[in-house]
């Protein structure tokens, strides 16, 4: 699989270096070979040797000389196996932003740099978070129910202006949420592991003050990556620290929230409601309580599935590929020990 490199074909002129001056590189791509997002790789130079597939046998002959490994929505077990038989890799990239399916012991211990799609989906996730806030503030479920029943049901709706939005995990996604929330008049508070990395655009709390922050919030958006420190972070103690009128929104990773505790909180009224795009088990099992709870807005992990979302993630890889080939610093280098 090799693609033409001429600007006329791609519509994109190289930014840093003409493709013709780049050394030949071998790229292994873990993906279904017919996946439409692989067409973006046509923009790589003809000299690039690309091997793509979702079975380990496809990669055995090329693995020893491979320079780059791209995890592009293929099977996780194949990704791990190919990494194990590719001793000369110089860069690994995960098309996804979440790393719970990418980080494993061997890759964490390896000196090979790992990058990911962090930030590529931030704008769409920020919009979805605002949609969830407005869903509860304006009681859109009641509007739809009344419309379907043909009933004129006039009621008061809430202001969003003046409310407090707490963001757990204030990285690229958290910042995108805040950027979209400010024009609505929401006050922003946030929790992150390294508050010193934030500017003056939000009141930032360290993790040991999470409960204090949660008690201030009318809406809480969970946008943290899944790490050993964040797994189960929003459990019973955190949920009980929230206002009974507060809404929890999870667009980060499912296991950051303890689902059993959340279900109880929603049934017993510890909090007002929840909007959930991610879950412990996906697809969410048939008959799960979240499907039936009236105070839950459920999304099947599609908050970032805008038209061309997978192609956009591959566009970022191509941008990083050019930087790699030109000897420039890679974007989105992961701190593998920290997990993001």
C-alpha atoms as a PDB file:
ATOM      1  CA  UNK A   1       0.000   0.000   0.000  1.00  0.00           C
ATOM      2  CA  UNK A   2       1.652   3.203  -1.173  1.00  0.00           C
ATOM      3  CA  UNK A   3       0.130   6.526  -2.026  1.00  0.00           C
ATOM      4  CA  UNK A   4       0.968   9.389  -4.368  1.00  0.00           C
ATOM      5  CA  UNK A   5       2.779  12.306  -2.808  1.00  0.00           C
ATOM      6  CA  UNK A   6       2.106  15.127  -5.245  1.00  0.00           C
ATOM      7  CA  UNK A   7       0.402  18.232  -3.831  1.00  0.00           C
ATOM      8  CA  UNK A   8      -2.010  18.134  -6.784  1.00  0.00           C
ATOM      9  CA  UNK A   9      -3.322  14.791  -5.562  1.00  0.00           C
ATOM     10  CA  UNK A  10      -3.536  15.612  -1.864  1.00  0.00           C
ATOM     11  CA  UNK A  11      -4.443  19.267  -1.952  1.00  0.00           C
ATOM     12  CA  UNK A  12      -1.949  19.833   0.853  1.00  0.00           C
ATOM     13  CA  UNK A  13       1.532  21.191   0.351  1.00  0.00           C
ATOM     14  CA  UNK A  14       4.170  19.927   2.817  1.00  0.00           C
ATOM     15  CA  UNK A  15       4.821  22.482   5.536  1.00  0.00           C
ATOM     16  CA  UNK A  16       8.352  21.725   6.659  1.00  0.00           C
ATOM     17  CA  UNK A  17      10.118  19.733   4.001  1.00  0.00           C
ATOM     18  CA  UNK A  18       9.524  18.516   0.474  1.00  0.00           C
ATOM     19  CA  UNK A  19       8.575  14.844   0.532  1.00  0.00           C
ATOM     20  CA  UNK A  20      11.248  14.166  -2.084  1.00  0.00           C
ATOM     21  CA  UNK A  21      14.017  14.817   0.429  1.00  0.00           C
ATOM     22  CA  UNK A  22      12.668  12.465   3.075  1.00  0.00           C
ATOM     23  CA  UNK A  23      14.353   9.144   3.767  1.00  0.00           C
ATOM     24  CA  UNK A  24      12.385   5.997   2.997  1.00  0.00           C
ATOM     25  CA  UNK A  25      10.469   4.840   6.072  1.00  0.00           C
ATOM     26  CA  UNK A  26       8.580   1.646   6.903  1.00  0.00           C
ATOM     27  CA  UNK A  27       5.189   2.210   8.528  1.00  0.00           C
ATOM     28  CA  UNK A  28       3.112  -0.571  10.095  1.00  0.00           C
ATOM     29  CA  UNK A  29      -0.595   0.229  10.450  1.00  0.00           C
ATOM     30  CA  UNK A  30      -2.891  -1.767  12.728  1.00  0.00           C
ATOM     31  CA  UNK A  31      -6.297  -1.366  11.086  1.00  0.00           C
ATOM     32  CA  UNK A  32      -8.739  -3.144   8.857  1.00  0.00           C
ATOM     33  CA  UNK A  33      -7.023  -2.859   5.470  1.00  0.00           C
ATOM     34  CA  UNK A  34     -10.240  -1.577   3.859  1.00  0.00           C
ATOM     35  CA  UNK A  35     -10.868   1.121   6.488  1.00  0.00           C
ATOM     36  CA  UNK A  36     -11.732   4.368   4.735  1.00  0.00           C
ATOM     37  CA  UNK A  37      -9.538   6.508   7.004  1.00  0.00           C
ATOM     38  CA  UNK A  38      -6.450   4.762   5.615  1.00  0.00           C
ATOM     39  CA  UNK A  39      -6.952   6.715   2.385  1.00  0.00           C
ATOM     40  CA  UNK A  40      -5.374   9.688   4.175  1.00  0.00           C
ATOM     41  CA  UNK A  41      -2.086   7.790   4.033  1.00  0.00           C
ATOM     42  CA  UNK A  42      -2.080   8.365   0.277  1.00  0.00           C
ATOM     43  CA  UNK A  43      -0.557  11.719   1.159  1.00  0.00           C
ATOM     44  CA  UNK A  44       2.629  10.099   2.383  1.00  0.00           C
ATOM     45  CA  UNK A  45       5.563   9.926  -0.048  1.00  0.00           C
ATOM     46  CA  UNK A  46       5.844   7.068  -2.521  1.00  0.00           C
ATOM     47  CA  UNK A  47       9.063   5.999  -0.800  1.00  0.00           C
ATOM     48  CA  UNK A  48       7.125   5.067   2.354  1.00  0.00           C
ATOM     49  CA  UNK A  49       6.680   1.315   2.717  1.00  0.00           C
ATOM     50  CA  UNK A  50       3.262   0.864   4.310  1.00  0.00           C
ATOM     51  CA  UNK A  51       1.976  -2.452   5.647  1.00  0.00           C
ATOM     52  CA  UNK A  52      -1.601  -2.386   6.935  1.00  0.00           C
ATOM     53  CA  UNK A  53      -3.767  -5.111   8.376  1.00  0.00           C
ATOM     54  CA  UNK A  54      -5.493  -6.557  11.418  1.00  0.00           C
ATOM     55  CA  UNK A  55      -3.717  -9.922  11.653  1.00  0.00           C
ATOM     56  CA  UNK A  56      -0.238 -10.537  13.030  1.00  0.00           C
ATOM     57  CA  UNK A  57       0.853 -12.665  10.034  1.00  0.00           C
ATOM     58  CA  UNK A  58       0.683  -9.652   7.733  1.00  0.00           C
ATOM     59  CA  UNK A  59       3.475  -7.895   9.610  1.00  0.00           C
ATOM     60  CA  UNK A  60       6.022 -10.629  10.270  1.00  0.00           C
ATOM     61  CA  UNK A  61       8.253  -9.983   7.262  1.00  0.00           C
ATOM     62  CA  UNK A  62       8.311  -6.176   7.653  1.00  0.00           C
ATOM     63  CA  UNK A  63       8.403  -5.844  11.442  1.00  0.00           C
ATOM     64  CA  UNK A  64      12.156  -6.142  11.915  1.00  0.00           C
ATOM     65  CA  UNK A  65      12.822  -3.121   9.704  1.00  0.00           C
ATOM     66  CA  UNK A  66       9.845  -1.018  10.747  1.00  0.00           C
ATOM     67  CA  UNK A  67      10.397   2.601  11.806  1.00  0.00           C
ATOM     68  CA  UNK A  68       6.862   3.592  12.803  1.00  0.00           C
ATOM     69  CA  UNK A  69       3.880   1.746  14.268  1.00  0.00           C
ATOM     70  CA  UNK A  70       0.411   3.283  13.924  1.00  0.00           C
ATOM     71  CA  UNK A  71      -2.497   1.981  15.991  1.00  0.00           C
ATOM     72  CA  UNK A  72      -5.428   3.040  13.787  1.00  0.00           C
ATOM     73  CA  UNK A  73      -8.539   1.477  15.364  1.00  0.00           C
ATOM     74  CA  UNK A  74      -7.299  -2.076  14.833  1.00  0.00           C
ATOM     75  CA  UNK A  75      -7.359  -4.958  17.354  1.00  0.00           C
ATOM     76  CA  UNK A  76      -5.498  -4.197  20.564  1.00  0.00           C
ATOM     77  CA  UNK A  77      -3.999  -7.665  20.809  1.00  0.00           C
ATOM     78  CA  UNK A  78      -2.552  -7.373  17.291  1.00  0.00           C
ATOM     79  CA  UNK A  79      -1.099  -3.960  18.156  1.00  0.00           C
ATOM     80  CA  UNK A  80       0.663  -5.422  21.190  1.00  0.00           C
ATOM     81  CA  UNK A  81       1.920  -8.433  19.248  1.00  0.00           C
ATOM     82  CA  UNK A  82       3.299  -6.320  16.406  1.00  0.00           C
ATOM     83  CA  UNK A  83       5.058  -4.031  18.862  1.00  0.00           C
ATOM     84  CA  UNK A  84       6.722  -7.089  20.409  1.00  0.00           C
ATOM     85  CA  UNK A  85       8.207  -8.241  17.064  1.00  0.00           C
ATOM     86  CA  UNK A  86       9.342  -4.765  15.930  1.00  0.00           C
ATOM     87  CA  UNK A  87      12.676  -4.154  17.710  1.00  0.00           C
ATOM     88  CA  UNK A  88      13.770  -1.132  15.678  1.00  0.00           C
ATOM     89  CA  UNK A  89      10.761   1.140  16.036  1.00  0.00           C
ATOM     90  CA  UNK A  90      11.499   4.825  16.492  1.00  0.00           C
ATOM     91  CA  UNK A  91       7.962   6.110  16.979  1.00  0.00           C
ATOM     92  CA  UNK A  92       4.539   4.721  17.912  1.00  0.00           C
ATOM     93  CA  UNK A  93       1.300   6.650  17.378  1.00  0.00           C
ATOM     94  CA  UNK A  94      -2.215   5.910  18.609  1.00  0.00           C
ATOM     95  CA  UNK A  95      -4.940   7.460  16.508  1.00  0.00           C
ATOM     96  CA  UNK A  96      -7.225   7.567  19.547  1.00  0.00           C
ATOM     97  CA  UNK A  97      -6.956  10.078  22.362  1.00  0.00           C
ATOM     98  CA  UNK A  98      -7.587   7.548  25.125  1.00  0.00           C
ATOM     99  CA  UNK A  99      -4.630   5.340  25.962  1.00  0.00           C
ATOM    100  CA  UNK A 100      -6.180   2.607  28.103  1.00  0.00           C
ATOM    101  CA  UNK A 101      -6.045   0.306  25.065  1.00  0.00           C
ATOM    102  CA  UNK A 102      -2.563   1.412  24.033  1.00  0.00           C
ATOM    103  CA  UNK A 103      -0.466   1.534  27.175  1.00  0.00           C
ATOM    104  CA  UNK A 104       0.820  -1.851  28.276  1.00  0.00           C
ATOM    105  CA  UNK A 105       3.906  -2.838  30.243  1.00  0.00           C
ATOM    106  CA  UNK A 106       6.316  -3.336  27.338  1.00  0.00           C
ATOM    107  CA  UNK A 107       5.472  -0.063  25.642  1.00  0.00           C
ATOM    108  CA  UNK A 108       5.624   1.851  28.935  1.00  0.00           C
ATOM    109  CA  UNK A 109       9.106   0.470  29.622  1.00  0.00           C
ATOM    110  CA  UNK A 110      10.287   1.077  26.066  1.00  0.00           C
ATOM    111  CA  UNK A 111      12.283   4.216  25.162  1.00  0.00           C
ATOM    112  CA  UNK A 112      10.303   4.522  21.923  1.00  0.00           C
ATOM    113  CA  UNK A 113       8.221   7.746  21.981  1.00  0.00           C
ATOM    114  CA  UNK A 114       4.451   7.365  21.920  1.00  0.00           C
ATOM    115  CA  UNK A 115       2.075  10.031  20.611  1.00  0.00           C
ATOM    116  CA  UNK A 116      -1.712  10.073  20.433  1.00  0.00           C
ATOM    117  CA  UNK A 117      -4.724  11.920  19.048  1.00  0.00           C
ATOM    118  CA  UNK A 118      -5.152  14.123  22.104  1.00  0.00           C
ATOM    119  CA  UNK A 119      -7.031  17.304  21.245  1.00  0.00           C
ATOM    120  CA  UNK A 120      -8.190  16.193  17.795  1.00  0.00           C
ATOM    121  CA  UNK A 121     -11.726  15.599  19.087  1.00  0.00           C
ATOM    122  CA  UNK A 122     -11.789  18.364  21.718  1.00  0.00           C
ATOM    123  CA  UNK A 123     -14.110  20.781  19.925  1.00  0.00           C
ATOM    124  CA  UNK A 124     -16.850  18.228  19.332  1.00  0.00           C
ATOM    125  CA  UNK A 125     -16.639  16.982  22.918  1.00  0.00           C
ATOM    126  CA  UNK A 126     -16.841  20.557  24.162  1.00  0.00           C
ATOM    127  CA  UNK A 127     -20.013  21.087  22.144  1.00  0.00           C
ATOM    128  CA  UNK A 128     -21.514  17.847  23.465  1.00  0.00           C
ATOM    129  CA  UNK A 129     -20.826  18.887  27.053  1.00  0.00           C
ATOM    130  CA  UNK A 130     -22.690  22.143  26.439  1.00  0.00           C
ATOM    131  CA  UNK A 131     -25.562  20.230  24.844  1.00  0.00           C
ATOM    132  CA  UNK A 132     -25.803  18.083  27.978  1.00  0.00           C
ATOM    133  CA  UNK A 133     -25.835  21.140  30.226  1.00  0.00           C
ATOM    134  CA  UNK A 134     -28.638  22.722  28.194  1.00  0.00           C
ATOM    135  CA  UNK A 135     -30.534  19.419  28.095  1.00  0.00           C
ATOM    136  CA  UNK A 136     -30.953  19.582  31.861  1.00  0.00           C
ATOM    137  CA  UNK A 137     -31.208  23.364  32.272  1.00  0.00           C
ATOM    138  CA  UNK A 138     -34.032  23.633  29.718  1.00  0.00           C
ATOM    139  CA  UNK A 139     -35.548  20.194  30.468  1.00  0.00           C
ATOM    140  CA  UNK A 140     -35.465  19.094  26.837  1.00  0.00           C
ATOM    141  CA  UNK A 141     -36.726  15.619  27.732  1.00  0.00           C
ATOM    142  CA  UNK A 142     -39.957  17.181  29.041  1.00  0.00           C
ATOM    143  CA  UNK A 143     -40.296  19.279  25.878  1.00  0.00           C
ATOM    144  CA  UNK A 144     -39.958  16.243  23.611  1.00  0.00           C
ATOM    145  CA  UNK A 145     -42.329  14.168  25.734  1.00  0.00           C
ATOM    146  CA  UNK A 146     -44.988  16.903  25.711  1.00  0.00           C
ATOM    147  CA  UNK A 147     -44.609  17.465  21.971  1.00  0.00           C
ATOM    148  CA  UNK A 148     -45.014  13.750  21.269  1.00  0.00           C
ATOM    149  CA  UNK A 149     -48.125  13.694  23.457  1.00  0.00           C
ATOM    150  CA  UNK A 150     -49.578  16.754  21.697  1.00  0.00           C
ATOM    151  CA  UNK A 151     -49.740  18.543  25.042  1.00  0.00           C
ATOM    152  CA  UNK A 152     -49.228  22.298  25.642  1.00  0.00           C
ATOM    153  CA  UNK A 153     -47.094  22.036  28.799  1.00  0.00           C
ATOM    154  CA  UNK A 154     -45.767  25.446  29.808  1.00  0.00           C
ATOM    155  CA  UNK A 155     -43.122  25.492  32.543  1.00  0.00           C
ATOM    156  CA  UNK A 156     -40.175  27.540  33.807  1.00  0.00           C
ATOM    157  CA  UNK A 157     -36.659  26.751  32.623  1.00  0.00           C
ATOM    158  CA  UNK A 158     -33.351  27.426  34.367  1.00  0.00           C
ATOM    159  CA  UNK A 159     -30.621  29.934  33.653  1.00  0.00           C
ATOM    160  CA  UNK A 160     -27.227  28.593  32.700  1.00  0.00           C
ATOM    161  CA  UNK A 161     -25.746  32.054  33.184  1.00  0.00           C
ATOM    162  CA  UNK A 162     -24.273  32.404  36.643  1.00  0.00           C
ATOM    163  CA  UNK A 163     -23.973  28.675  37.316  1.00  0.00           C
ATOM    164  CA  UNK A 164     -20.687  26.962  38.160  1.00  0.00           C
ATOM    165  CA  UNK A 165     -19.162  24.356  35.869  1.00  0.00           C
ATOM    166  CA  UNK A 166     -16.493  22.054  37.292  1.00  0.00           C
ATOM    167  CA  UNK A 167     -14.147  20.262  34.906  1.00  0.00           C
ATOM    168  CA  UNK A 168     -12.283  17.189  36.134  1.00  0.00           C
ATOM    169  CA  UNK A 169      -9.240  16.914  33.881  1.00  0.00           C
ATOM    170  CA  UNK A 170      -8.247  20.281  32.451  1.00  0.00           C
ATOM    171  CA  UNK A 171      -6.275  19.278  29.394  1.00  0.00           C
ATOM    172  CA  UNK A 172      -7.159  19.957  25.761  1.00  0.00           C
ATOM    173  CA  UNK A 173     -10.721  18.653  26.132  1.00  0.00           C
ATOM    174  CA  UNK A 174     -11.297  20.456  29.407  1.00  0.00           C
ATOM    175  CA  UNK A 175     -10.066  23.711  27.932  1.00  0.00           C
ATOM    176  CA  UNK A 176     -12.335  23.247  24.889  1.00  0.00           C
ATOM    177  CA  UNK A 177     -15.308  22.783  27.217  1.00  0.00           C
ATOM    178  CA  UNK A 178     -14.414  25.922  29.161  1.00  0.00           C
ATOM    179  CA  UNK A 179     -14.010  27.919  25.955  1.00  0.00           C
ATOM    180  CA  UNK A 180     -17.563  27.035  24.925  1.00  0.00           C
ATOM    181  CA  UNK A 181     -19.045  27.493  28.396  1.00  0.00           C
ATOM    182  CA  UNK A 182     -17.783  31.016  29.069  1.00  0.00           C
ATOM    183  CA  UNK A 183     -20.009  32.756  26.495  1.00  0.00           C
ATOM    184  CA  UNK A 184     -23.003  31.263  28.331  1.00  0.00           C
ATOM    185  CA  UNK A 185     -21.895  33.007  31.530  1.00  0.00           C
ATOM    186  CA  UNK A 186     -20.791  29.877  33.364  1.00  0.00           C
ATOM    187  CA  UNK A 187     -18.142  30.237  36.054  1.00  0.00           C
ATOM    188  CA  UNK A 188     -15.332  27.731  35.472  1.00  0.00           C
ATOM    189  CA  UNK A 189     -13.536  25.737  38.139  1.00  0.00           C
ATOM    190  CA  UNK A 190     -11.307  22.774  37.357  1.00  0.00           C
ATOM    191  CA  UNK A 191      -9.313  19.947  38.904  1.00  0.00           C
ATOM    192  CA  UNK A 192      -6.037  18.744  37.438  1.00  0.00           C
ATOM    193  CA  UNK A 193      -2.940  16.930  38.665  1.00  0.00           C
ATOM    194  CA  UNK A 194      -0.641  19.855  37.860  1.00  0.00           C
ATOM    195  CA  UNK A 195      -2.536  23.105  38.514  1.00  0.00           C
ATOM    196  CA  UNK A 196       0.587  25.117  37.692  1.00  0.00           C
ATOM    197  CA  UNK A 197       0.104  24.267  34.005  1.00  0.00           C
ATOM    198  CA  UNK A 198      -3.110  26.295  33.909  1.00  0.00           C
ATOM    199  CA  UNK A 199      -3.339  29.993  33.207  1.00  0.00           C
ATOM    200  CA  UNK A 200      -5.688  32.400  34.908  1.00  0.00           C
ATOM    201  CA  UNK A 201      -8.743  31.365  32.918  1.00  0.00           C
ATOM    202  CA  UNK A 202     -10.153  29.105  35.648  1.00  0.00           C
ATOM    203  CA  UNK A 203      -9.946  28.481  39.388  1.00  0.00           C
ATOM    204  CA  UNK A 204      -7.921  25.259  39.500  1.00  0.00           C
ATOM    205  CA  UNK A 205      -7.899  22.750  42.359  1.00  0.00           C
ATOM    206  CA  UNK A 206      -5.381  19.934  42.905  1.00  0.00           C
ATOM    207  CA  UNK A 207      -6.737  16.368  43.173  1.00  0.00           C
ATOM    208  CA  UNK A 208      -6.631  16.364  46.977  1.00  0.00           C
ATOM    209  CA  UNK A 209      -9.225  19.169  46.935  1.00  0.00           C
ATOM    210  CA  UNK A 210     -11.572  17.478  44.480  1.00  0.00           C
ATOM    211  CA  UNK A 211     -14.431  17.148  46.972  1.00  0.00           C
ATOM    212  CA  UNK A 212     -14.165  20.823  47.806  1.00  0.00           C
ATOM    213  CA  UNK A 213     -14.430  21.722  44.129  1.00  0.00           C
ATOM    214  CA  UNK A 214     -17.352  19.359  43.516  1.00  0.00           C
ATOM    215  CA  UNK A 215     -19.348  21.005  46.282  1.00  0.00           C
ATOM    216  CA  UNK A 216     -19.243  24.302  44.386  1.00  0.00           C
ATOM    217  CA  UNK A 217     -20.565  22.989  41.094  1.00  0.00           C
ATOM    218  CA  UNK A 218     -23.933  22.939  39.381  1.00  0.00           C
ATOM    219  CA  UNK A 219     -22.490  20.891  36.509  1.00  0.00           C
ATOM    220  CA  UNK A 220     -19.438  18.617  36.579  1.00  0.00           C
ATOM    221  CA  UNK A 221     -17.784  17.383  33.395  1.00  0.00           C
ATOM    222  CA  UNK A 222     -15.388  14.456  33.699  1.00  0.00           C
ATOM    223  CA  UNK A 223     -12.734  14.781  30.977  1.00  0.00           C
ATOM    224  CA  UNK A 224      -9.827  13.029  32.682  1.00  0.00           C
ATOM    225  CA  UNK A 225      -7.786  10.256  31.046  1.00  0.00           C
ATOM    226  CA  UNK A 226      -7.917   6.771  32.533  1.00  0.00           C
ATOM    227  CA  UNK A 227      -4.851   6.182  34.705  1.00  0.00           C
ATOM    228  CA  UNK A 228      -4.287   4.240  37.938  1.00  0.00           C
ATOM    229  CA  UNK A 229      -4.891   7.529  39.792  1.00  0.00           C
ATOM    230  CA  UNK A 230      -8.164   8.389  38.016  1.00  0.00           C
ATOM    231  CA  UNK A 231      -9.751   4.922  37.902  1.00  0.00           C
ATOM    232  CA  UNK A 232     -12.754   5.120  40.228  1.00  0.00           C
ATOM    233  CA  UNK A 233     -12.039   8.780  41.016  1.00  0.00           C
ATOM    234  CA  UNK A 234     -15.733   9.693  40.920  1.00  0.00           C
ATOM    235  CA  UNK A 235     -17.102   7.221  43.421  1.00  0.00           C
ATOM    236  CA  UNK A 236     -19.480   7.446  46.360  1.00  0.00           C
ATOM    237  CA  UNK A 237     -17.468  10.061  48.262  1.00  0.00           C
ATOM    238  CA  UNK A 238     -17.201  12.329  45.241  1.00  0.00           C
ATOM    239  CA  UNK A 239     -20.874  11.939  44.333  1.00  0.00           C
ATOM    240  CA  UNK A 240     -21.981  12.677  47.889  1.00  0.00           C
ATOM    241  CA  UNK A 241     -19.815  15.823  47.820  1.00  0.00           C
ATOM    242  CA  UNK A 242     -21.878  17.191  44.893  1.00  0.00           C
ATOM    243  CA  UNK A 243     -25.000  19.289  45.263  1.00  0.00           C
ATOM    244  CA  UNK A 244     -28.314  17.389  45.025  1.00  0.00           C
ATOM    245  CA  UNK A 245     -29.167  19.760  42.162  1.00  0.00           C
ATOM    246  CA  UNK A 246     -25.918  19.037  40.271  1.00  0.00           C
ATOM    247  CA  UNK A 247     -25.495  17.123  37.010  1.00  0.00           C
ATOM    248  CA  UNK A 248     -22.554  14.826  36.222  1.00  0.00           C
ATOM    249  CA  UNK A 249     -21.346  14.635  32.611  1.00  0.00           C
ATOM    250  CA  UNK A 250     -18.775  12.006  31.610  1.00  0.00           C
ATOM    251  CA  UNK A 251     -17.026  12.380  28.246  1.00  0.00           C
ATOM    252  CA  UNK A 252     -13.627  11.100  29.420  1.00  0.00           C
ATOM    253  CA  UNK A 253     -13.314   7.392  30.177  1.00  0.00           C
ATOM    254  CA  UNK A 254     -16.000   5.147  31.624  1.00  0.00           C
ATOM    255  CA  UNK A 255     -14.032   3.630  34.535  1.00  0.00           C
ATOM    256  CA  UNK A 256     -13.159   7.067  35.954  1.00  0.00           C
ATOM    257  CA  UNK A 257     -16.723   6.989  37.309  1.00  0.00           C
ATOM    258  CA  UNK A 258     -17.848   4.139  39.563  1.00  0.00           C
ATOM    259  CA  UNK A 259     -21.032   3.113  37.770  1.00  0.00           C
ATOM    260  CA  UNK A 260     -22.615   1.272  40.697  1.00  0.00           C
ATOM    261  CA  UNK A 261     -22.209   4.345  42.906  1.00  0.00           C
ATOM    262  CA  UNK A 262     -23.549   6.593  40.149  1.00  0.00           C
ATOM    263  CA  UNK A 263     -26.613   4.427  39.621  1.00  0.00           C
ATOM    264  CA  UNK A 264     -27.372   4.607  43.334  1.00  0.00           C
ATOM    265  CA  UNK A 265     -26.791   8.368  43.374  1.00  0.00           C
ATOM    266  CA  UNK A 266     -29.246   8.815  40.514  1.00  0.00           C
ATOM    267  CA  UNK A 267     -31.901   6.571  42.061  1.00  0.00           C
ATOM    268  CA  UNK A 268     -31.616   8.041  45.561  1.00  0.00           C
ATOM    269  CA  UNK A 269     -31.290  11.678  44.539  1.00  0.00           C
ATOM    270  CA  UNK A 270     -27.754  12.442  45.678  1.00  0.00           C
ATOM    271  CA  UNK A 271     -27.465  14.343  42.382  1.00  0.00           C
ATOM    272  CA  UNK A 272     -29.990  15.590  39.862  1.00  0.00           C
ATOM    273  CA  UNK A 273     -28.860  13.661  36.825  1.00  0.00           C
ATOM    274  CA  UNK A 274     -26.089  12.462  34.543  1.00  0.00           C
ATOM    275  CA  UNK A 275     -25.147  12.684  30.872  1.00  0.00           C
ATOM    276  CA  UNK A 276     -22.907   9.799  29.838  1.00  0.00           C
ATOM    277  CA  UNK A 277     -20.987   9.166  26.626  1.00  0.00           C
ATOM    278  CA  UNK A 278     -18.564   6.531  27.996  1.00  0.00           C
ATOM    279  CA  UNK A 279     -19.043   3.416  30.093  1.00  0.00           C
ATOM    280  CA  UNK A 280     -17.227   0.590  31.849  1.00  0.00           C
ATOM    281  CA  UNK A 281     -18.433  -1.860  29.218  1.00  0.00           C
ATOM    282  CA  UNK A 282     -19.158  -0.832  25.652  1.00  0.00           C
ATOM    283  CA  UNK A 283     -21.604  -1.401  24.105  1.00  0.00           C
ATOM    284  CA  UNK A 284     -23.601  -0.840  27.282  1.00  0.00           C
ATOM    285  CA  UNK A 285     -25.264  -4.204  28.029  1.00  0.00           C
ATOM    286  CA  UNK A 286     -28.915  -4.657  27.143  1.00  0.00           C
ATOM    287  CA  UNK A 287     -31.142  -4.036  30.141  1.00  0.00           C
ATOM    288  CA  UNK A 288     -28.644  -1.812  31.966  1.00  0.00           C
ATOM    289  CA  UNK A 289     -30.298   0.583  34.413  1.00  0.00           C
ATOM    290  CA  UNK A 290     -28.913   3.634  32.616  1.00  0.00           C
ATOM    291  CA  UNK A 291     -31.204   2.960  29.647  1.00  0.00           C
ATOM    292  CA  UNK A 292     -34.316   3.391  31.780  1.00  0.00           C
ATOM    293  CA  UNK A 293     -33.423   6.088  34.294  1.00  0.00           C
ATOM    294  CA  UNK A 294     -35.329   9.289  33.481  1.00  0.00           C
ATOM    295  CA  UNK A 295     -32.521  11.472  34.852  1.00  0.00           C
ATOM    296  CA  UNK A 296     -29.873  10.048  32.493  1.00  0.00           C
ATOM    297  CA  UNK A 297     -28.950  11.280  29.017  1.00  0.00           C
ATOM    298  CA  UNK A 298     -27.150   8.411  27.309  1.00  0.00           C
ATOM    299  CA  UNK A 299     -24.888   8.582  24.248  1.00  0.00           C
ATOM    300  CA  UNK A 300     -23.314   5.441  22.699  1.00  0.00           C
ATOM    301  CA  UNK A 301     -19.759   6.841  22.800  1.00  0.00           C
ATOM    302  CA  UNK A 302     -20.499   9.025  19.795  1.00  0.00           C
ATOM    303  CA  UNK A 303     -19.948  12.535  21.165  1.00  0.00           C
ATOM    304  CA  UNK A 304     -16.832  12.911  19.023  1.00  0.00           C
ATOM    305  CA  UNK A 305     -18.102  11.020  15.964  1.00  0.00           C
ATOM    306  CA  UNK A 306     -18.501  14.015  13.697  1.00  0.00           C
ATOM    307  CA  UNK A 307     -18.402  13.526   9.908  1.00  0.00           C
ATOM    308  CA  UNK A 308     -14.857  12.556   8.973  1.00  0.00           C
ATOM    309  CA  UNK A 309     -13.723  12.131  12.580  1.00  0.00           C
ATOM    310  CA  UNK A 310     -11.443   9.194  11.788  1.00  0.00           C
ATOM    311  CA  UNK A 311      -9.956  11.002   8.806  1.00  0.00           C
ATOM    312  CA  UNK A 312      -9.265  14.039  11.009  1.00  0.00           C
ATOM    313  CA  UNK A 313      -7.346  11.812  13.412  1.00  0.00           C
ATOM    314  CA  UNK A 314      -5.307  10.458  10.515  1.00  0.00           C
ATOM    315  CA  UNK A 315      -4.631  13.988   9.265  1.00  0.00           C
ATOM    316  CA  UNK A 316      -2.959  14.673  12.586  1.00  0.00           C
ATOM    317  CA  UNK A 317      -0.809  11.565  12.150  1.00  0.00           C
ATOM    318  CA  UNK A 318       0.311  12.769   8.705  1.00  0.00           C
ATOM    319  CA  UNK A 319       1.253  16.115  10.224  1.00  0.00           C
ATOM    320  CA  UNK A 320       3.320  14.337  12.864  1.00  0.00           C
ATOM    321  CA  UNK A 321       4.815  12.013  10.223  1.00  0.00           C
ATOM    322  CA  UNK A 322       6.175  15.016   8.406  1.00  0.00           C
ATOM    323  CA  UNK A 323       7.698  16.349  11.619  1.00  0.00           C
ATOM    324  CA  UNK A 324       9.259  12.968  12.355  1.00  0.00           C
ATOM    325  CA  UNK A 325      10.764  12.678   8.869  1.00  0.00           C
ATOM    326  CA  UNK A 326      12.116  16.222   9.125  1.00  0.00           C
ATOM    327  CA  UNK A 327      13.736  15.594  12.523  1.00  0.00           C
ATOM    328  CA  UNK A 328      11.402  18.027  14.299  1.00  0.00           C
ATOM    329  CA  UNK A 329       9.841  17.438  17.743  1.00  0.00           C
ATOM    330  CA  UNK A 330       6.711  15.313  17.668  1.00  0.00           C
ATOM    331  CA  UNK A 331       3.372  16.709  18.825  1.00  0.00           C
ATOM    332  CA  UNK A 332       1.335  15.071  21.610  1.00  0.00           C
ATOM    333  CA  UNK A 333       4.179  13.048  23.122  1.00  0.00           C
ATOM    334  CA  UNK A 334       2.682  10.909  25.885  1.00  0.00           C
ATOM    335  CA  UNK A 335       4.100  10.712  29.390  1.00  0.00           C
ATOM    336  CA  UNK A 336       3.847   6.926  29.474  1.00  0.00           C
ATOM    337  CA  UNK A 337       4.461   6.663  33.200  1.00  0.00           C
ATOM    338  CA  UNK A 338       1.714   9.198  33.973  1.00  0.00           C
ATOM    339  CA  UNK A 339      -0.621   7.600  31.438  1.00  0.00           C
ATOM    340  CA  UNK A 340      -1.451  10.621  29.267  1.00  0.00           C
END
